[in-house]
Structure formats: structure tokens, C-alpha cells
Amino acid sequence: MRRLIVSFIGNADLKYLPPQAENVSPILRLLMGLPGGLQPSRTRLLLLDEQSRGTERQMFCSRLEAVLPELGLGGLEVKRHPIVLPDGPTDLNALYEQVWAAIPTSGPDQADEILFHISSGTWAMQSTLLLAANCLRLERVRLIETSREQGVREVRPPYVLAARDRRLSERMRGKVQLPEKARRALLPDTVISDPVVHAAYAALHKAATNRKLPQRLLLRGPVGSGKWHACQQFARWRRAATATWLEPDALPELPVGATLLIHRLDAWPKKSLQGLALLSAQRPDVAIGASFRTDLPPAVPLDVLMRDGLRGAAQVDLPSLGSRSDVVEIAEALVRNLGALGGKVKARFQYELLTDVYPHNLHDLKALLATAVVRSPGGHPERNAYVQAKQIQHSQVLLTEAWQILAGMDFGPGRHRLENVLDVIRAAIVRRALVDGRSQEDAGELLGFSRSKVSAIETTPLDLSGWRTSVEQVDGSA
């Protein structure tokens, strides 16, 4: 994995003059203390240097390059990028233009992961990096801060929360609105505040109520995007008898004018499409709505299915949960659906639910909330129970993926290291044992570890560099 570290050169960095014993350079502190370490040969350090502030920063870059091999970081590329700020170090306009121009977002210099170091430079420089980290259209972007007291740590400031209202209003422009009468006929706990979902439901309503349109509908989307719920809403708006076709060879009885819902049409074999095409041709009075998963390989390509099975069907797409702007409302609805009180969900879990530290499909989110509900003593899900539920879920994900790596012998240069996989397994088991209520002594006795080893495993950050999962470490103290 190619990693790019972006940092300004601050005044505190200039105080470090090798071979001085005391390390007071935030940049060097980052390189030496980055959790999980780094691969020097696959890491590039981009240092932004304001030229108008003399030559000290250029000298710092030269000294830094010279000392890196002594610190075991030989091979790490250091690139100094001069910038010009006509109005001084707080010139936000110039900072915005030049920082964005310096970060490679395409081509051979694009990195797989970008780390923004926000502890060096002026407040304007730090703010510029914070904005860049939030706005870059890359999957792996992290913010790192360094200090004498805290060392090196990743931070996740919730600035995304402030940006969502504006993004939401912009996405609503030009979207088809669902009529108020149709809103009143929504199924209980249906959430459509996200503009893309709102537009999908508006199209769904039009397909259900305009009888001149072909009463054939395909609901597309990834696993856990609410396709089956949308199919049921289609049936409700049609106000007709409803039947469900679960198995290709078990067609249910269909009254005149009925609505037929097909679950997971993407899994149907090609030989079963003939029966669907025959039914569609012989029973034009029957409306058909089917769900189709887009993130799993279909048994039959979509174009073949549309030609040989569900001919003439209108297609409506639903986004993944991770791209929706109404996740908090969905969580509130799911908690109510679980028989608990959802009034405190926003206050207690808004940060996790709006900053991607949550499952990315409805099934996993419901399982997470259900676990939190049963672990909470009161009517509202408690934050500690929610954190424990995440730890249980994340531990299970890590153990499952570790088993896949072990069983598949997925080791070798540039791939997983056996010791790293075993460390993850130990950490996942220890965290799960502690979440289940065992003390450190109990966990040590269970696993054959000393208490000090259990404590060390518990407090050591997991090294997930190169790991398949997007699961992030949970801060149990939050």
C-alpha cells in the first residue's frame, strides 16, 4: 500500500537539530510513532514549505533526510513543496489553492492512503488540511495529530456533521417530491429523508399508481439497502392482494389484479426465467415487483434477466446505507421497531452514525442496535451498550477474516504476515472476553495469558495495515 503523509513545516519542527537527543519535532515524532509503523520504501512525506519565511525550513528538510537512515527509516522519500503566501502564513485563499494543487489525486503519484498531519504550521494551515481531509474523494484519508503528552494518535473531528445540512439541501434541488397523500400511506418506520431515497420512492409511487405504466418493477441496490421494504411499499400503494414468490418453482396463487413480490431475483437460475416471462405475458393484470442485489454476482446477467424474464420492467435504484444522509433517523426507527425508545439515539450515537463508524447495511445496523438494546438496563439503548455491541461485531469480523487468511494461506511478500494475523486474533479474543464481562484475570485464565499480557493486548492499538476489513478500532472510553 502506497502511503502519502502531508504536513506543513512548523516552527516547532525547526527546533529539532540532529543529533540532538530530545525529539521536539512534531513531524519526526509522527514518523517514529505512527501506530503500526510504516514501510519507508512505500511512504512519501510531502512537506509544505512557505518560502517567504526564510531558508530554515529547507535546511530542516535536508537534515531530516540525512537522519532518517539512522532511525531505521531509510528509503522514505521526502519531498519539499514550496508554496507562496502573498499575505503571510494565514493567507487562506492562497493556502486553499496551493495545498489542493500539491496533493496528487490521480496518476502515478496518487497514494492508496493519505495521512494529514495537523500539528505543524499555523492555525490557517491546520484548518486547510482539515478541510482537505474531509473533501478529498478518496477512501483512505486519515487525520493525525502529535504532541508531547499524547504522542501520535488519529483524530476524527465531526466536521462532517456541519456539512451535511448544506449537502442535503443541494441534493434536494430538482428532485421529484412524493405527494403528501402517498407519505401518509408509508409503511410504519419508513425513512426517506435522504433526497436520493426520496426520489426513488417518488418513482416507486408513480409506478404503483399510474396504471398506464407497465406494472413491472425491479428494485436494485446493494445488500441491506432496503429493497424488500420498498417492494412491500410498492404493494401497499397498489392496494391489491399481495403474494410473495420466494422459490422459482413454487409460484403462489394469484387473485385477479394481485401484486406479486419476488425476493432476490438476482439469485434465480436462467432456467427459471422462462416461467417468469410466461407469467408476465399471460397475466398482465398482475403487478410484479422484484428485488435485485447489485453488490453480489447475479446468477444471470441483468440484461439477460430483463430480456428473458422480467420484460419491460422499470428500474428503481436504492443507495447503500453508507451514502445516505438520514442514518440517524433510520437508527431511531430501527430502535422503535425493536420495542425500545429511540428518543436518545441522536444525542448518544450521532457521531458514530454520521462519521462512517457504523455498519454499512441495514441488516448489520439492526443487529448492532438490537445487541445494544438487550444489553441496556433501561428503555433507551445506552452508549456503553452500543460501544460493547460494536466491539462484539468488530471482533467477530476480524476473527472471520483472520480465519479466511489462515485457511487460504494468504501469506508472503507484500501480503499478510503470520505474526500480524495472530496478533489480531489475540486482540479480538481478548476484547471479546472483556466485553462479555470477564475481568483481566478471568480473560488471562481463559486464554492462558498473564494479567499483564492481557492488559498489554487490550491497550495496544491493532495493526490493521493492509487488512481487508474497513473496521476501525473502537474507543471504549468515548
Protein backbone atom coordinates (compact mmCIF):
# COMPACT_ATOMS: atom_id res chain seq x y z
CA MET A 1 0.00 0.00 0.00
CA ARG A 2 1.43 3.36 -1.03
CA ARG A 3 1.09 5.99 1.70
CA LEU A 4 1.42 9.77 1.43
CA ILE A 5 1.96 11.88 4.56
CA VAL A 6 1.17 15.59 4.14
CA SER A 7 2.41 18.16 6.64
CA PHE A 8 3.39 21.78 6.88
CA ILE A 9 6.77 22.59 8.43
CA GLY A 10 6.09 24.44 11.68
CA ASN A 11 8.27 26.47 13.98
CA ALA A 12 8.37 23.59 16.49
CA ASP A 13 9.94 21.37 13.81
CA LEU A 14 12.81 23.79 13.33
CA LYS A 15 13.91 23.31 16.95
CA TYR A 16 14.97 19.76 16.15
CA LEU A 17 18.58 19.74 15.01
CA PRO A 18 20.10 16.22 14.78
CA PRO A 19 21.80 14.65 16.62
CA GLN A 20 20.01 16.45 19.48
CA ALA A 21 18.77 13.86 21.95
CA GLU A 22 15.39 15.39 22.72
CA ASN A 23 12.85 14.91 19.95
CA VAL A 24 10.67 18.00 19.76
CA SER A 25 9.85 17.88 16.05
CA PRO A 26 6.16 17.01 15.54
CA ILE A 27 6.98 15.65 12.08
CA LEU A 28 9.70 13.32 13.31
CA ARG A 29 7.53 12.31 16.25
CA LEU A 30 4.89 11.27 13.71
CA LEU A 31 7.30 9.20 11.62
CA MET A 32 8.73 7.38 14.63
CA GLY A 33 5.47 6.83 16.50
CA LEU A 34 2.88 6.11 13.82
CA PRO A 35 0.64 3.27 15.13
CA GLY A 36 1.50 0.09 13.27
CA GLY A 37 4.67 1.62 11.90
CA LEU A 38 5.25 2.37 8.25
CA GLN A 39 7.03 0.90 5.27
CA PRO A 40 9.67 3.51 4.33
CA SER A 41 10.02 2.26 0.76
CA ARG A 42 6.27 2.71 0.18
CA THR A 43 5.86 6.00 2.04
CA ARG A 44 6.31 9.53 0.76
CA LEU A 45 6.47 12.59 3.01
CA LEU A 46 5.20 15.78 1.39
CA LEU A 47 6.39 18.82 3.36
CA LEU A 48 4.70 22.11 2.51
CA ASP A 49 7.18 24.97 2.93
CA GLU A 50 6.23 28.63 2.95
CA GLN A 51 9.15 30.17 1.04
CA SER A 52 8.72 33.70 2.38
CA ARG A 53 9.77 32.58 5.86
CA GLY A 54 13.50 32.15 5.13
CA THR A 55 15.66 29.10 4.42
CA GLU A 56 15.36 27.34 7.79
CA ARG A 57 12.65 25.03 6.52
CA GLN A 58 14.71 23.99 3.52
CA MET A 59 17.60 23.21 5.90
CA PHE A 60 15.21 21.20 8.09
CA CYS A 61 14.24 19.01 5.11
CA SER A 62 17.90 18.33 4.31
CA ARG A 63 18.70 17.42 7.92
CA LEU A 64 15.61 15.24 8.15
CA GLU A 65 16.60 13.25 5.06
CA ALA A 66 20.10 12.78 6.48
CA VAL A 67 18.93 11.44 9.85
CA LEU A 68 16.19 9.08 8.63
CA PRO A 69 18.52 6.11 7.90
CA GLU A 70 19.88 6.32 11.47
CA LEU A 71 16.33 5.96 12.75
CA GLY A 72 15.54 2.89 10.64
CA LEU A 73 13.55 4.92 8.12
CA GLY A 74 15.95 4.81 5.20
CA GLY A 75 14.21 4.73 1.83
CA LEU A 76 11.41 7.06 2.90
CA GLU A 77 11.04 9.72 0.22
CA VAL A 78 10.94 13.32 1.45
CA LYS A 79 9.60 15.89 -0.96
CA ARG A 80 9.64 19.58 -0.14
CA HIS A 81 6.91 21.54 -1.87
CA PRO A 82 7.43 25.32 -1.78
CA ILE A 83 4.31 27.46 -1.54
CA VAL A 84 3.96 31.23 -1.80
CA LEU A 85 1.57 33.10 0.51
CA PRO A 86 1.44 36.76 -0.55
CA ASP A 87 -0.49 37.78 2.58
CA GLY A 88 1.51 35.75 5.07
CA PRO A 89 1.06 32.40 6.84
CA THR A 90 -2.69 32.95 7.42
CA ASP A 91 -3.50 33.62 3.75
CA LEU A 92 -6.42 31.20 3.45
CA ASN A 93 -7.10 31.91 -0.22
CA ALA A 94 -3.57 31.08 -1.29
CA LEU A 95 -3.41 28.11 1.08
CA TYR A 96 -6.56 26.64 -0.41
CA GLU A 97 -5.31 26.92 -3.99
CA GLN A 98 -1.76 25.72 -3.42
CA VAL A 99 -2.45 22.88 -0.99
CA TRP A 100 -5.05 21.37 -3.31
CA ALA A 101 -2.62 21.69 -6.23
CA ALA A 102 0.11 19.91 -4.24
CA ILE A 103 -1.92 16.81 -3.34
CA PRO A 104 -1.85 14.18 -6.13
CA THR A 105 -5.34 12.73 -6.60
CA SER A 106 -4.71 10.87 -9.85
CA GLY A 107 -1.89 9.46 -11.95
CA PRO A 108 1.22 7.55 -10.87
CA ASP A 109 1.81 9.72 -7.77
CA GLN A 110 -1.62 9.01 -6.27
CA ALA A 111 -1.34 7.15 -2.96
CA ASP A 112 -3.57 4.41 -1.61
CA GLU A 113 -3.77 6.24 1.72
CA ILE A 114 -3.20 9.88 2.67
CA LEU A 115 -2.33 10.97 6.22
CA PHE A 116 -2.75 14.65 7.04
CA HIS A 117 -0.53 15.76 9.93
CA ILE A 118 -2.34 18.67 11.59
CA SER A 119 0.04 19.57 14.42
CA SER A 120 2.59 21.62 12.45
CA GLY A 121 2.06 25.08 11.00
CA THR A 122 -0.28 27.97 11.70
CA TRP A 123 -3.97 27.58 12.55
CA ALA A 124 -4.81 28.51 8.94
CA MET A 125 -2.53 25.78 7.62
CA GLN A 126 -4.04 23.21 10.01
CA SER A 127 -7.58 24.27 9.04
CA THR A 128 -6.72 23.89 5.37
CA LEU A 129 -5.58 20.28 5.94
CA LEU A 130 -8.72 19.53 7.97
CA LEU A 131 -10.87 20.72 5.07
CA ALA A 132 -8.81 18.80 2.53
CA ALA A 133 -9.17 15.57 4.53
CA ASN A 134 -12.95 15.96 4.65
CA CYS A 135 -13.38 16.88 0.98
CA LEU A 136 -10.99 14.55 -0.86
CA ARG A 137 -12.83 11.87 -2.83
CA LEU A 138 -10.57 9.08 -1.60
CA GLU A 139 -11.47 6.09 0.55
CA ARG A 140 -8.44 6.07 2.87
CA VAL A 141 -7.87 9.53 4.34
CA ARG A 142 -6.78 9.96 7.97
CA LEU A 143 -6.03 12.88 10.29
CA ILE A 144 -3.05 12.51 12.64
CA GLU A 145 -2.01 14.80 15.47
CA THR A 146 1.18 14.66 17.56
CA SER A 147 2.04 16.08 20.97
CA ARG A 148 4.44 15.51 23.86
CA GLU A 149 1.58 14.43 26.09
CA GLN A 150 -0.43 12.18 23.75
CA GLY A 151 2.29 11.01 21.39
CA VAL A 152 0.81 10.10 17.99
CA ARG A 153 -2.91 9.50 17.58
CA GLU A 154 -5.57 9.53 14.90
CA VAL A 155 -8.39 12.05 15.32
CA ARG A 156 -11.85 12.07 13.80
CA PRO A 157 -13.35 15.52 14.34
CA PRO A 158 -17.06 15.52 13.46
CA TYR A 159 -16.88 18.37 10.94
CA VAL A 160 -18.83 16.14 8.58
CA LEU A 161 -21.89 16.82 10.74
CA ALA A 162 -21.83 20.53 9.96
CA ALA A 163 -21.52 19.91 6.22
CA ARG A 164 -24.45 17.50 5.90
CA ASP A 165 -27.29 20.03 6.08
CA ARG A 166 -25.87 22.02 3.17
CA ARG A 167 -25.19 18.90 1.13
CA LEU A 168 -28.70 17.69 1.83
CA SER A 169 -30.31 20.91 0.58
CA GLU A 170 -28.15 20.87 -2.55
CA ARG A 171 -29.10 17.26 -3.33
CA MET A 172 -32.81 18.07 -2.95
CA ARG A 173 -32.78 20.52 -5.85
CA GLY A 174 -34.65 19.23 -8.86
CA LYS A 175 -35.73 16.00 -7.18
CA VAL A 176 -39.26 14.68 -7.63
CA GLN A 177 -41.29 15.11 -4.45
CA LEU A 178 -43.52 12.43 -3.01
CA PRO A 179 -47.15 13.63 -2.69
CA GLU A 180 -48.44 14.17 0.84
CA LYS A 181 -51.17 11.57 0.35
CA ALA A 182 -48.52 9.00 -0.56
CA ARG A 183 -46.49 9.98 2.51
CA ARG A 184 -49.44 9.24 4.76
CA ALA A 185 -49.61 5.72 3.28
CA LEU A 186 -45.97 4.88 4.01
CA LEU A 187 -45.29 1.70 5.96
CA PRO A 188 -44.51 2.26 9.66
CA ASP A 189 -40.92 3.35 10.38
CA THR A 190 -40.17 4.13 6.73
CA VAL A 191 -37.40 6.74 6.50
CA ILE A 192 -36.98 8.65 3.24
CA SER A 193 -35.35 11.92 4.34
CA ASP A 194 -32.35 11.32 2.11
CA PRO A 195 -33.06 13.05 -1.24
CA VAL A 196 -31.90 10.11 -3.36
CA VAL A 197 -34.13 7.70 -1.43
CA HIS A 198 -36.98 10.22 -1.50
CA ALA A 199 -36.72 10.42 -5.31
CA ALA A 200 -36.61 6.60 -5.54
CA TYR A 201 -39.82 6.33 -3.51
CA ALA A 202 -41.44 9.02 -5.66
CA ALA A 203 -40.64 6.91 -8.74
CA LEU A 204 -41.93 3.85 -6.90
CA HIS A 205 -45.23 5.61 -6.14
CA LYS A 206 -45.64 6.69 -9.74
CA ALA A 207 -45.06 3.13 -10.94
CA ALA A 208 -47.64 1.83 -8.46
CA THR A 209 -50.41 4.33 -9.20
CA ASN A 210 -50.07 5.09 -12.92
CA ARG A 211 -51.77 2.06 -14.48
CA LYS A 212 -50.64 3.08 -17.97
CA LEU A 213 -47.08 2.29 -16.98
CA PRO A 214 -46.01 -1.38 -17.17
CA GLN A 215 -46.71 -2.86 -13.77
CA ARG A 216 -43.29 -4.46 -13.69
CA LEU A 217 -40.68 -3.09 -11.32
CA LEU A 218 -37.10 -4.03 -10.42
CA LEU A 219 -35.73 -2.63 -7.13
CA ARG A 220 -31.93 -2.57 -7.38
CA GLY A 221 -29.35 -1.92 -4.69
CA PRO A 222 -26.59 -3.46 -2.53
CA VAL A 223 -27.32 -5.87 0.31
CA GLY A 224 -29.11 -4.13 3.17
CA SER A 225 -30.24 -1.05 1.24
CA GLY A 226 -33.97 -1.55 1.94
CA LYS A 227 -35.03 -3.14 -1.35
CA TRP A 228 -37.51 -5.60 0.16
CA HIS A 229 -39.11 -2.88 2.29
CA ALA A 230 -39.51 -0.80 -0.87
CA CYS A 231 -41.13 -3.77 -2.64
CA GLN A 232 -43.65 -4.02 0.19
CA GLN A 233 -44.30 -0.29 -0.09
CA PHE A 234 -44.98 -0.74 -3.82
CA ALA A 235 -47.58 -3.35 -2.92
CA ARG A 236 -49.16 -1.13 -0.30
CA TRP A 237 -49.56 1.77 -2.70
CA ARG A 238 -51.24 -0.56 -5.23
CA ARG A 239 -53.91 -1.51 -2.66
CA ALA A 240 -54.34 -5.04 -4.00
CA ALA A 241 -53.92 -8.57 -2.72
CA THR A 242 -50.23 -9.37 -2.26
CA ALA A 243 -48.35 -12.65 -2.74
CA THR A 244 -44.65 -13.43 -2.29
CA TRP A 245 -42.71 -15.64 -4.70
CA LEU A 246 -39.69 -16.91 -2.75
CA GLU A 247 -38.67 -20.04 -4.70
CA PRO A 248 -38.63 -20.19 -8.53
CA ASP A 249 -40.53 -23.49 -8.61
CA ALA A 250 -43.23 -22.51 -6.08
CA LEU A 251 -45.49 -19.94 -7.72
CA PRO A 252 -48.21 -18.85 -5.25
CA GLU A 253 -51.90 -18.45 -6.05
CA LEU A 254 -52.58 -15.09 -7.66
CA PRO A 255 -56.03 -13.43 -7.49
CA VAL A 256 -57.05 -11.06 -10.27
CA GLY A 257 -55.15 -7.77 -10.05
CA ALA A 258 -52.76 -9.06 -7.37
CA THR A 259 -49.28 -7.74 -6.62
CA LEU A 260 -46.54 -10.36 -6.79
CA LEU A 261 -43.27 -9.68 -4.94
CA ILE A 262 -40.15 -11.66 -5.86
CA HIS A 263 -37.33 -11.85 -3.32
CA ARG A 264 -33.74 -11.80 -4.64
CA LEU A 265 -34.40 -12.21 -8.32
CA ASP A 266 -30.63 -11.91 -8.88
CA ALA A 267 -30.25 -15.45 -7.44
CA TRP A 268 -32.69 -17.09 -9.90
CA PRO A 269 -31.11 -19.52 -12.39
CA LYS A 270 -31.58 -18.93 -16.08
CA LYS A 271 -33.89 -21.94 -16.49
CA SER A 272 -36.43 -20.31 -14.15
CA LEU A 273 -36.71 -17.10 -16.18
CA GLN A 274 -38.94 -18.78 -18.77
CA GLY A 275 -41.66 -19.33 -16.16
CA LEU A 276 -41.41 -15.68 -15.10
CA ALA A 277 -41.64 -14.46 -18.69
CA LEU A 278 -44.65 -16.74 -19.31
CA LEU A 279 -46.44 -15.45 -16.21
CA SER A 280 -45.68 -11.86 -17.15
CA ALA A 281 -47.15 -12.39 -20.62
CA GLN A 282 -50.21 -14.41 -19.56
CA ARG A 283 -51.18 -12.33 -16.51
CA PRO A 284 -50.95 -8.62 -17.42
CA ASP A 285 -53.37 -7.94 -14.55
CA VAL A 286 -50.72 -9.00 -12.03
CA ALA A 287 -48.17 -6.35 -10.97
CA ILE A 288 -44.68 -7.69 -10.30
CA GLY A 289 -42.08 -6.12 -8.06
CA ALA A 290 -38.68 -7.80 -7.56
CA SER A 291 -35.54 -7.07 -5.55
CA PHE A 292 -32.11 -7.36 -7.18
CA ARG A 293 -28.79 -7.18 -5.31
CA THR A 294 -26.11 -5.18 -7.11
CA ASP A 295 -23.07 -5.95 -4.94
CA LEU A 296 -23.12 -9.73 -5.46
CA PRO A 297 -22.58 -11.58 -8.74
CA PRO A 298 -26.02 -12.40 -10.21
CA ALA A 299 -26.86 -15.90 -11.38
CA VAL A 300 -27.89 -14.37 -14.71
CA PRO A 301 -26.64 -11.03 -16.11
CA LEU A 302 -29.10 -8.18 -15.71
CA ASP A 303 -29.56 -7.65 -19.45
CA VAL A 304 -30.42 -11.34 -19.91
CA LEU A 305 -32.82 -11.24 -16.98
CA MET A 306 -34.59 -8.18 -18.41
CA ARG A 307 -34.81 -9.78 -21.85
CA ASP A 308 -35.76 -13.34 -20.91
CA GLY A 309 -37.54 -12.83 -17.57
CA LEU A 310 -38.97 -9.56 -16.29
CA ARG A 311 -39.52 -7.89 -19.66
CA GLY A 312 -40.32 -4.19 -19.83
CA ALA A 313 -39.69 -3.60 -16.14
CA ALA A 314 -38.98 -0.14 -14.80
CA GLN A 315 -35.82 0.03 -12.65
CA VAL A 316 -35.51 1.94 -9.39
CA ASP A 317 -32.16 2.11 -7.58
CA LEU A 318 -31.65 2.47 -3.83
CA PRO A 319 -28.31 3.71 -2.40
CA SER A 320 -26.23 1.92 0.19
CA LEU A 321 -26.75 2.85 3.82
CA GLY A 322 -23.27 4.36 3.99
CA SER A 323 -24.11 7.00 1.37
CA ARG A 324 -27.40 8.09 2.93
CA SER A 325 -27.81 11.32 4.90
CA ASP A 326 -30.64 10.07 7.15
CA VAL A 327 -28.80 7.32 9.04
CA VAL A 328 -29.69 8.78 12.45
CA GLU A 329 -33.40 8.72 11.60
CA ILE A 330 -33.05 5.15 10.36
CA ALA A 331 -31.41 4.15 13.65
CA GLU A 332 -34.24 5.81 15.60
CA ALA A 333 -36.80 3.91 13.54
CA LEU A 334 -34.98 0.60 13.99
CA VAL A 335 -34.78 1.09 17.76
CA ARG A 336 -38.52 1.77 17.89
CA ASN A 337 -39.11 -1.29 15.73
CA LEU A 338 -37.14 -3.31 18.29
CA GLY A 339 -39.57 -2.26 21.00
CA ALA A 340 -37.20 0.22 22.67
CA LEU A 341 -37.24 4.02 22.99
CA GLY A 342 -35.41 5.89 20.24
CA GLY A 343 -35.58 9.40 21.64
CA LYS A 344 -31.95 9.50 22.80
CA VAL A 345 -30.35 7.85 19.77
CA LYS A 346 -29.35 11.13 18.13
CA ALA A 347 -27.81 12.58 21.30
CA ARG A 348 -25.90 9.41 22.17
CA PHE A 349 -24.87 7.94 18.81
CA GLN A 350 -24.92 10.79 16.28
CA TYR A 351 -21.14 10.93 15.92
CA GLU A 352 -20.77 7.23 15.09
CA LEU A 353 -23.82 7.18 12.83
CA LEU A 354 -22.68 10.17 10.76
CA THR A 355 -18.96 9.55 10.52
CA ASP A 356 -18.89 6.07 8.98
CA VAL A 357 -18.06 4.31 12.26
CA TYR A 358 -21.07 2.03 11.83
CA PRO A 359 -22.17 -0.92 9.69
CA HIS A 360 -22.85 -0.07 6.07
CA ASN A 361 -26.05 -2.04 5.57
CA LEU A 362 -29.41 -2.12 7.31
CA HIS A 363 -29.14 -5.75 8.43
CA ASP A 364 -25.89 -5.19 10.33
CA LEU A 365 -27.07 -1.87 11.75
CA LYS A 366 -30.23 -3.50 13.08
CA ALA A 367 -28.18 -6.33 14.62
CA LEU A 368 -25.86 -3.80 16.25
CA LEU A 369 -28.76 -1.80 17.70
CA ALA A 370 -30.56 -4.96 18.84
CA THR A 371 -27.43 -6.04 20.73
CA ALA A 372 -27.22 -2.59 22.34
CA VAL A 373 -30.90 -2.72 23.32
CA VAL A 374 -30.68 -6.11 25.06
CA ARG A 375 -27.51 -5.03 26.88
CA SER A 376 -29.06 -1.77 28.15
CA PRO A 377 -30.80 -1.75 31.54
CA GLY A 378 -33.35 0.95 30.66
CA GLY A 379 -35.81 1.63 27.88
CA HIS A 380 -33.30 3.64 25.83
CA PRO A 381 -30.18 1.99 24.38
CA GLU A 382 -27.16 3.09 26.44
CA ARG A 383 -23.95 4.37 24.94
CA ASN A 384 -21.80 1.85 26.79
CA ALA A 385 -24.01 -0.96 25.46
CA TYR A 386 -23.66 0.45 21.94
CA VAL A 387 -19.86 0.54 22.26
CA GLN A 388 -19.87 -3.04 23.56
CA ALA A 389 -22.09 -4.13 20.66
CA LYS A 390 -19.63 -2.58 18.19
CA GLN A 391 -16.72 -4.33 19.87
CA ILE A 392 -18.52 -7.68 19.66
CA GLN A 393 -19.33 -7.12 15.99
CA HIS A 394 -15.84 -5.93 15.09
CA SER A 395 -14.17 -8.80 16.95
CA GLN A 396 -16.31 -11.28 15.03
CA VAL A 397 -15.44 -9.63 11.70
CA LEU A 398 -11.73 -9.73 12.49
CA LEU A 399 -11.85 -13.37 13.60
CA THR A 400 -13.76 -14.36 10.46
CA GLU A 401 -11.31 -12.60 8.17
CA ALA A 402 -8.32 -13.94 10.09
CA TRP A 403 -9.65 -17.47 9.59
CA GLN A 404 -10.03 -16.81 5.86
CA ILE A 405 -6.43 -15.63 5.69
CA LEU A 406 -5.17 -18.65 7.66
CA ALA A 407 -7.25 -21.17 5.73
CA GLY A 408 -6.23 -19.64 2.41
CA MET A 409 -2.52 -19.47 3.29
CA ASP A 410 -2.65 -15.81 2.27
CA PHE A 411 0.92 -15.01 3.28
CA GLY A 412 4.06 -13.86 1.53
CA PRO A 413 5.93 -10.73 0.43
CA GLY A 414 3.57 -7.80 0.12
CA ARG A 415 0.77 -9.78 1.74
CA HIS A 416 -0.12 -10.71 5.31
CA ARG A 417 2.46 -11.66 7.93
CA LEU A 418 1.52 -14.64 10.08
CA GLU A 419 2.55 -12.89 13.29
CA ASN A 420 0.38 -9.89 12.42
CA VAL A 421 -2.64 -12.15 11.84
CA LEU A 422 -2.02 -13.94 15.15
CA ASP A 423 -1.76 -10.59 16.95
CA VAL A 424 -5.14 -9.58 15.54
CA ILE A 425 -6.66 -12.91 16.63
CA ARG A 426 -5.29 -12.50 20.18
CA ALA A 427 -6.55 -8.92 20.37
CA ALA A 428 -10.02 -9.82 19.05
CA ILE A 429 -10.38 -12.67 21.56
CA VAL A 430 -9.21 -10.55 24.50
CA ARG A 431 -11.52 -7.68 23.61
CA ARG A 432 -14.46 -10.04 23.18
CA ALA A 433 -13.75 -11.71 26.54
CA LEU A 434 -13.63 -8.36 28.33
CA VAL A 435 -16.81 -7.13 26.62
CA ASP A 436 -18.56 -10.30 27.77
CA GLY A 437 -17.92 -9.22 31.35
CA ARG A 438 -14.77 -11.16 32.17
CA SER A 439 -12.08 -9.42 34.20
CA GLN A 440 -8.47 -9.29 33.02
CA GLU A 441 -7.71 -12.15 35.42
CA ASP A 442 -10.63 -14.18 34.05
CA ALA A 443 -9.57 -13.50 30.46
CA GLY A 444 -6.00 -14.47 31.28
CA GLU A 445 -7.13 -17.73 32.85
CA LEU A 446 -9.40 -18.45 29.89
CA LEU A 447 -6.68 -17.83 27.31
CA GLY A 448 -3.62 -18.96 29.24
CA PHE A 449 -2.18 -15.42 29.41
CA SER A 450 -0.86 -13.48 32.36
CA ARG A 451 -2.84 -10.46 33.52
CA SER A 452 -0.08 -8.14 32.32
CA LYS A 453 -0.20 -9.68 28.85
CA VAL A 454 -4.00 -9.29 28.71
CA SER A 455 -3.60 -5.65 29.76
CA ALA A 456 -0.91 -5.07 27.11
CA ILE A 457 -3.08 -6.63 24.38
CA GLU A 458 -6.08 -4.56 25.48
CA THR A 459 -4.22 -1.23 25.36
CA THR A 460 -2.10 -1.82 22.23
CA PRO A 461 -3.69 -0.43 19.03
CA LEU A 462 -4.38 -3.07 16.40
CA ASP A 463 -2.11 -3.02 13.38
CA LEU A 464 -4.64 -3.28 10.56
CA SER A 465 -2.32 -2.03 7.82
CA GLY A 466 -3.14 -3.99 4.71
CA TRP A 467 -6.06 -5.70 6.46
CA ARG A 468 -9.13 -6.45 4.34
CA THR A 469 -11.69 -5.05 6.70
CA SER A 470 -12.65 -1.38 7.00
CA VAL A 471 -13.43 -1.98 10.67
CA GLU A 472 -11.78 0.62 12.85
CA GLN A 473 -10.69 0.26 16.44
CA VAL A 474 -13.42 1.27 18.87
CA ASP A 475 -12.58 3.74 21.62
CA GLY A 476 -14.28 2.16 24.60
CA SER A 477 -13.72 5.27 26.70
CA ALA A 478 -15.67 7.55 24.36
